[in-house]
Amino acid sequence: MQPNDQDLAFVMHDLARLMRVRFDQHARTWGMTRAQCVALMKLKCRPGMSQSELAALLEVEPITVGRVIDRLEAAGFVERRPDPADRRMHRLHLRDAAAPIIEKIDEYRAAGIARFHDGVPDEDWNMALSVLLRIKEKILSESADTAAASATAVSGE
């Protein structure tokens, strides 16, 4: 059995937790929560998604995203627009007022990557990224295989 600091899964979990904690601290200085910042960044990449789609991306319940969007809408960062194809649904769009906070998030992210990269040779950095991307791809592939097998079992094929 490996000590936790020699176990890749523990190290990745700790690293992700530490990065979340640090980002939470910065988000508070901007008067935001991490969830609000992440929602803004997801909407920057995929404007017009529904609250349900955003909830799935954030891996939270739709009601949780609803509260986050309520706060972002009250701050003037996001607007809900009726879906032209389904009047029961609203699509989420960034407003111009979100641009400065998105810029702060982008700057924080870029500065963080630069700090993490500092002192790590490019070859090591690129290798670490390559390995992590392969692990991610494998997990996603296994998840897709499991979902397909579950669907087949449910349909009785």
C-alpha atoms as a PDB file:
ATOM      1  CA  MET A   1       0.000   0.000   0.000  1.00  0.00           C
ATOM      2  CA  GLN A   2       1.351   3.421  -0.999  1.00  0.00           C
ATOM      3  CA  PRO A   3       1.372   6.448   1.307  1.00  0.00           C
ATOM      4  CA  ASN A   4      -1.227   8.990   0.183  1.00  0.00           C
ATOM      5  CA  ASP A   5       1.394  11.394  -1.152  1.00  0.00           C
ATOM      6  CA  GLN A   6       2.637   8.637  -3.477  1.00  0.00           C
ATOM      7  CA  ASP A   7      -0.795   7.607  -4.723  1.00  0.00           C
ATOM      8  CA  LEU A   8      -1.787   9.377  -7.964  1.00  0.00           C
ATOM      9  CA  ALA A   9      -5.508   9.362  -7.152  1.00  0.00           C
ATOM     10  CA  PHE A  10      -4.936  10.967  -3.739  1.00  0.00           C
ATOM     11  CA  VAL A  11      -2.536  13.533  -5.157  1.00  0.00           C
ATOM     12  CA  MET A  12      -4.986  14.497  -7.947  1.00  0.00           C
ATOM     13  CA  HIS A  13      -7.835  14.747  -5.422  1.00  0.00           C
ATOM     14  CA  ASP A  14      -5.758  16.902  -3.049  1.00  0.00           C
ATOM     15  CA  LEU A  15      -4.549  19.102  -5.893  1.00  0.00           C
ATOM     16  CA  ALA A  16      -8.101  19.673  -7.137  1.00  0.00           C
ATOM     17  CA  ARG A  17      -9.286  20.459  -3.585  1.00  0.00           C
ATOM     18  CA  LEU A  18      -6.434  22.902  -2.981  1.00  0.00           C
ATOM     19  CA  MET A  19      -7.121  24.645  -6.281  1.00  0.00           C
ATOM     20  CA  ARG A  20     -10.847  24.915  -5.447  1.00  0.00           C
ATOM     21  CA  VAL A  21     -10.106  26.353  -1.994  1.00  0.00           C
ATOM     22  CA  ARG A  22      -7.709  28.915  -3.408  1.00  0.00           C
ATOM     23  CA  PHE A  23     -10.161  29.886  -6.154  1.00  0.00           C
ATOM     24  CA  ASP A  24     -12.970  30.221  -3.564  1.00  0.00           C
ATOM     25  CA  GLN A  25     -10.796  32.736  -1.706  1.00  0.00           C
ATOM     26  CA  HIS A  26     -10.229  34.799  -4.853  1.00  0.00           C
ATOM     27  CA  ALA A  27     -13.848  34.605  -5.944  1.00  0.00           C
ATOM     28  CA  ARG A  28     -14.909  36.079  -2.584  1.00  0.00           C
ATOM     29  CA  THR A  29     -12.639  39.095  -3.162  1.00  0.00           C
ATOM     30  CA  TRP A  30     -14.671  39.721  -6.326  1.00  0.00           C
ATOM     31  CA  GLY A  31     -17.972  39.352  -4.435  1.00  0.00           C
ATOM     32  CA  MET A  32     -18.634  36.042  -6.176  1.00  0.00           C
ATOM     33  CA  THR A  33     -18.770  32.355  -5.372  1.00  0.00           C
ATOM     34  CA  ARG A  34     -16.823  29.690  -7.228  1.00  0.00           C
ATOM     35  CA  ALA A  35     -20.122  28.263  -8.497  1.00  0.00           C
ATOM     36  CA  GLN A  36     -21.054  31.647  -9.951  1.00  0.00           C
ATOM     37  CA  CYS A  37     -17.652  32.011 -11.622  1.00  0.00           C
ATOM     38  CA  VAL A  38     -17.787  28.512 -13.079  1.00  0.00           C
ATOM     39  CA  ALA A  39     -21.316  29.130 -14.370  1.00  0.00           C
ATOM     40  CA  LEU A  40     -20.140  32.309 -16.100  1.00  0.00           C
ATOM     41  CA  MET A  41     -17.217  30.502 -17.711  1.00  0.00           C
ATOM     42  CA  LYS A  42     -19.440  27.645 -18.915  1.00  0.00           C
ATOM     43  CA  LEU A  43     -21.855  30.188 -20.417  1.00  0.00           C
ATOM     44  CA  LYS A  44     -18.941  31.970 -22.079  1.00  0.00           C
ATOM     45  CA  CYS A  45     -18.046  28.702 -23.819  1.00  0.00           C
ATOM     46  CA  ARG A  46     -21.610  27.586 -24.534  1.00  0.00           C
ATOM     47  CA  PRO A  47     -23.993  30.548 -24.662  1.00  0.00           C
ATOM     48  CA  GLY A  48     -27.678  29.765 -24.806  1.00  0.00           C
ATOM     49  CA  MET A  49     -27.704  26.571 -22.781  1.00  0.00           C
ATOM     50  CA  SER A  50     -30.606  25.771 -20.498  1.00  0.00           C
ATOM     51  CA  GLN A  51     -30.399  25.621 -16.710  1.00  0.00           C
ATOM     52  CA  SER A  52     -30.746  21.827 -16.922  1.00  0.00           C
ATOM     53  CA  GLU A  53     -27.808  21.609 -19.322  1.00  0.00           C
ATOM     54  CA  LEU A  54     -25.730  23.845 -17.066  1.00  0.00           C
ATOM     55  CA  ALA A  55     -26.674  21.754 -14.024  1.00  0.00           C
ATOM     56  CA  ALA A  56     -25.490  18.612 -15.815  1.00  0.00           C
ATOM     57  CA  LEU A  57     -22.161  20.265 -16.706  1.00  0.00           C
ATOM     58  CA  LEU A  58     -21.672  21.454 -13.128  1.00  0.00           C
ATOM     59  CA  GLU A  59     -22.851  18.115 -11.711  1.00  0.00           C
ATOM     60  CA  VAL A  60     -25.401  19.728  -9.412  1.00  0.00           C
ATOM     61  CA  GLU A  61     -29.170  19.669  -9.153  1.00  0.00           C
ATOM     62  CA  PRO A  62     -31.152  22.057 -11.380  1.00  0.00           C
ATOM     63  CA  ILE A  63     -32.529  23.857  -8.314  1.00  0.00           C
ATOM     64  CA  THR A  64     -28.950  24.647  -7.223  1.00  0.00           C
ATOM     65  CA  VAL A  65     -28.153  26.121 -10.636  1.00  0.00           C
ATOM     66  CA  GLY A  66     -31.426  28.037 -10.484  1.00  0.00           C
ATOM     67  CA  ARG A  67     -30.242  29.812  -7.322  1.00  0.00           C
ATOM     68  CA  VAL A  68     -26.826  30.543  -8.846  1.00  0.00           C
ATOM     69  CA  ILE A  69     -28.457  31.966 -11.981  1.00  0.00           C
ATOM     70  CA  ASP A  70     -30.907  33.990  -9.869  1.00  0.00           C
ATOM     71  CA  ARG A  71     -27.932  35.708  -8.189  1.00  0.00           C
ATOM     72  CA  LEU A  72     -26.082  36.219 -11.468  1.00  0.00           C
ATOM     73  CA  GLU A  73     -29.224  37.634 -13.045  1.00  0.00           C
ATOM     74  CA  ALA A  74     -29.756  40.004 -10.084  1.00  0.00           C
ATOM     75  CA  ALA A  75     -26.135  41.186 -10.497  1.00  0.00           C
ATOM     76  CA  GLY A  76     -26.806  41.903 -14.180  1.00  0.00           C
ATOM     77  CA  PHE A  77     -24.357  39.246 -15.457  1.00  0.00           C
ATOM     78  CA  VAL A  78     -26.819  36.776 -16.990  1.00  0.00           C
ATOM     79  CA  GLU A  79     -30.208  36.916 -18.603  1.00  0.00           C
ATOM     80  CA  ARG A  80     -32.797  34.246 -19.203  1.00  0.00           C
ATOM     81  CA  ARG A  81     -34.368  34.316 -22.651  1.00  0.00           C
ATOM     82  CA  PRO A  82     -37.365  32.255 -23.711  1.00  0.00           C
ATOM     83  CA  ASP A  83     -36.497  29.253 -25.853  1.00  0.00           C
ATOM     84  CA  PRO A  84     -38.107  29.807 -29.261  1.00  0.00           C
ATOM     85  CA  ALA A  85     -38.831  26.079 -29.644  1.00  0.00           C
ATOM     86  CA  ASP A  86     -40.074  25.351 -26.103  1.00  0.00           C
ATOM     87  CA  ARG A  87     -41.877  28.068 -24.208  1.00  0.00           C
ATOM     88  CA  ARG A  88     -41.436  26.178 -20.910  1.00  0.00           C
ATOM     89  CA  MET A  89     -37.654  26.580 -21.143  1.00  0.00           C
ATOM     90  CA  HIS A  90     -35.317  29.535 -20.891  1.00  0.00           C
ATOM     91  CA  ARG A  91     -31.876  29.877 -22.434  1.00  0.00           C
ATOM     92  CA  LEU A  92     -29.052  31.503 -20.497  1.00  0.00           C
ATOM     93  CA  HIS A  93     -26.989  34.283 -22.006  1.00  0.00           C
ATOM     94  CA  LEU A  94     -24.209  36.481 -20.660  1.00  0.00           C
ATOM     95  CA  ARG A  95     -24.779  40.202 -20.463  1.00  0.00           C
ATOM     96  CA  ASP A  96     -22.094  42.769 -21.192  1.00  0.00           C
ATOM     97  CA  ALA A  97     -21.692  43.436 -17.448  1.00  0.00           C
ATOM     98  CA  ALA A  98     -20.183  39.930 -17.063  1.00  0.00           C
ATOM     99  CA  ALA A  99     -17.164  40.780 -19.226  1.00  0.00           C
ATOM    100  CA  PRO A 100     -15.024  42.373 -16.449  1.00  0.00           C
ATOM    101  CA  ILE A 101     -15.487  39.451 -14.043  1.00  0.00           C
ATOM    102  CA  ILE A 102     -14.818  36.931 -16.825  1.00  0.00           C
ATOM    103  CA  GLU A 103     -11.611  38.831 -17.580  1.00  0.00           C
ATOM    104  CA  LYS A 104     -10.609  38.585 -13.891  1.00  0.00           C
ATOM    105  CA  ILE A 105     -11.304  34.850 -13.907  1.00  0.00           C
ATOM    106  CA  ASP A 106      -9.257  34.391 -17.089  1.00  0.00           C
ATOM    107  CA  GLU A 107      -6.382  36.445 -15.628  1.00  0.00           C
ATOM    108  CA  TYR A 108      -6.469  34.462 -12.369  1.00  0.00           C
ATOM    109  CA  ARG A 109      -6.448  31.171 -14.278  1.00  0.00           C
ATOM    110  CA  ALA A 110      -3.550  32.229 -16.521  1.00  0.00           C
ATOM    111  CA  ALA A 111      -1.512  33.523 -13.548  1.00  0.00           C
ATOM    112  CA  GLY A 112      -2.170  30.290 -11.659  1.00  0.00           C
ATOM    113  CA  ILE A 113      -1.014  28.141 -14.546  1.00  0.00           C
ATOM    114  CA  ALA A 114       2.108  30.285 -14.851  1.00  0.00           C
ATOM    115  CA  ARG A 115       2.808  29.874 -11.089  1.00  0.00           C
ATOM    116  CA  PHE A 116       2.281  26.100 -11.254  1.00  0.00           C
ATOM    117  CA  HIS A 117       4.457  25.833 -14.356  1.00  0.00           C
ATOM    118  CA  ASP A 118       7.259  27.943 -12.843  1.00  0.00           C
ATOM    119  CA  GLY A 119      10.232  25.715 -12.079  1.00  0.00           C
ATOM    120  CA  VAL A 120       8.789  22.737 -13.957  1.00  0.00           C
ATOM    121  CA  PRO A 121      10.639  21.999 -17.190  1.00  0.00           C
ATOM    122  CA  ASP A 122       8.417  22.168 -20.279  1.00  0.00           C
ATOM    123  CA  GLU A 123       9.123  18.523 -21.049  1.00  0.00           C
ATOM    124  CA  ASP A 124       7.845  17.449 -17.607  1.00  0.00           C
ATOM    125  CA  TRP A 125       4.861  19.788 -17.830  1.00  0.00           C
ATOM    126  CA  ASN A 126       3.867  18.477 -21.251  1.00  0.00           C
ATOM    127  CA  MET A 127       4.312  14.864 -20.129  1.00  0.00           C
ATOM    128  CA  ALA A 128       2.149  15.419 -17.036  1.00  0.00           C
ATOM    129  CA  LEU A 129      -0.557  17.019 -19.158  1.00  0.00           C
ATOM    130  CA  SER A 130      -0.379  14.204 -21.685  1.00  0.00           C
ATOM    131  CA  VAL A 131      -0.714  11.544 -18.989  1.00  0.00           C
ATOM    132  CA  LEU A 132      -3.624  13.302 -17.300  1.00  0.00           C
ATOM    133  CA  LEU A 133      -5.426  13.712 -20.628  1.00  0.00           C
ATOM    134  CA  ARG A 134      -4.973   9.991 -21.349  1.00  0.00           C
ATOM    135  CA  ILE A 135      -6.377   9.118 -17.921  1.00  0.00           C
ATOM    136  CA  LYS A 136      -9.320  11.433 -18.545  1.00  0.00           C
ATOM    137  CA  GLU A 137      -9.945   9.905 -21.970  1.00  0.00           C
ATOM    138  CA  LYS A 138      -9.869   6.388 -20.487  1.00  0.00           C
ATOM    139  CA  ILE A 139     -12.344   7.306 -17.752  1.00  0.00           C
ATOM    140  CA  LEU A 140     -14.680   8.950 -20.273  1.00  0.00           C
ATOM    141  CA  SER A 141     -14.418   5.939 -22.564  1.00  0.00           C
ATOM    142  CA  GLU A 142     -15.191   3.539 -19.725  1.00  0.00           C
ATOM    143  CA  SER A 143     -18.115   5.725 -18.662  1.00  0.00           C
ATOM    144  CA  ALA A 144     -19.508   5.677 -22.206  1.00  0.00           C
ATOM    145  CA  ASP A 145     -19.061   1.884 -22.380  1.00  0.00           C
ATOM    146  CA  THR A 146     -20.849   1.449 -19.047  1.00  0.00           C
ATOM    147  CA  ALA A 147     -23.701   3.724 -20.134  1.00  0.00           C
ATOM    148  CA  ALA A 148     -24.072   1.818 -23.407  1.00  0.00           C
ATOM    149  CA  ALA A 149     -24.083  -1.527 -21.586  1.00  0.00           C
ATOM    150  CA  SER A 150     -26.690  -0.236 -19.146  1.00  0.00           C
ATOM    151  CA  ALA A 151     -28.878   1.011 -21.997  1.00  0.00           C
ATOM    152  CA  THR A 152     -28.590  -2.343 -23.741  1.00  0.00           C
ATOM    153  CA  ALA A 153     -29.516  -4.202 -20.546  1.00  0.00           C
ATOM    154  CA  VAL A 154     -32.540  -1.971 -19.975  1.00  0.00           C
ATOM    155  CA  SER A 155     -33.787  -2.380 -23.553  1.00  0.00           C
ATOM    156  CA  GLY A 156     -33.399  -6.151 -23.268  1.00  0.00           C
ATOM    157  CA  GLU A 157     -31.136  -6.569 -26.292  1.00  0.00           C
END
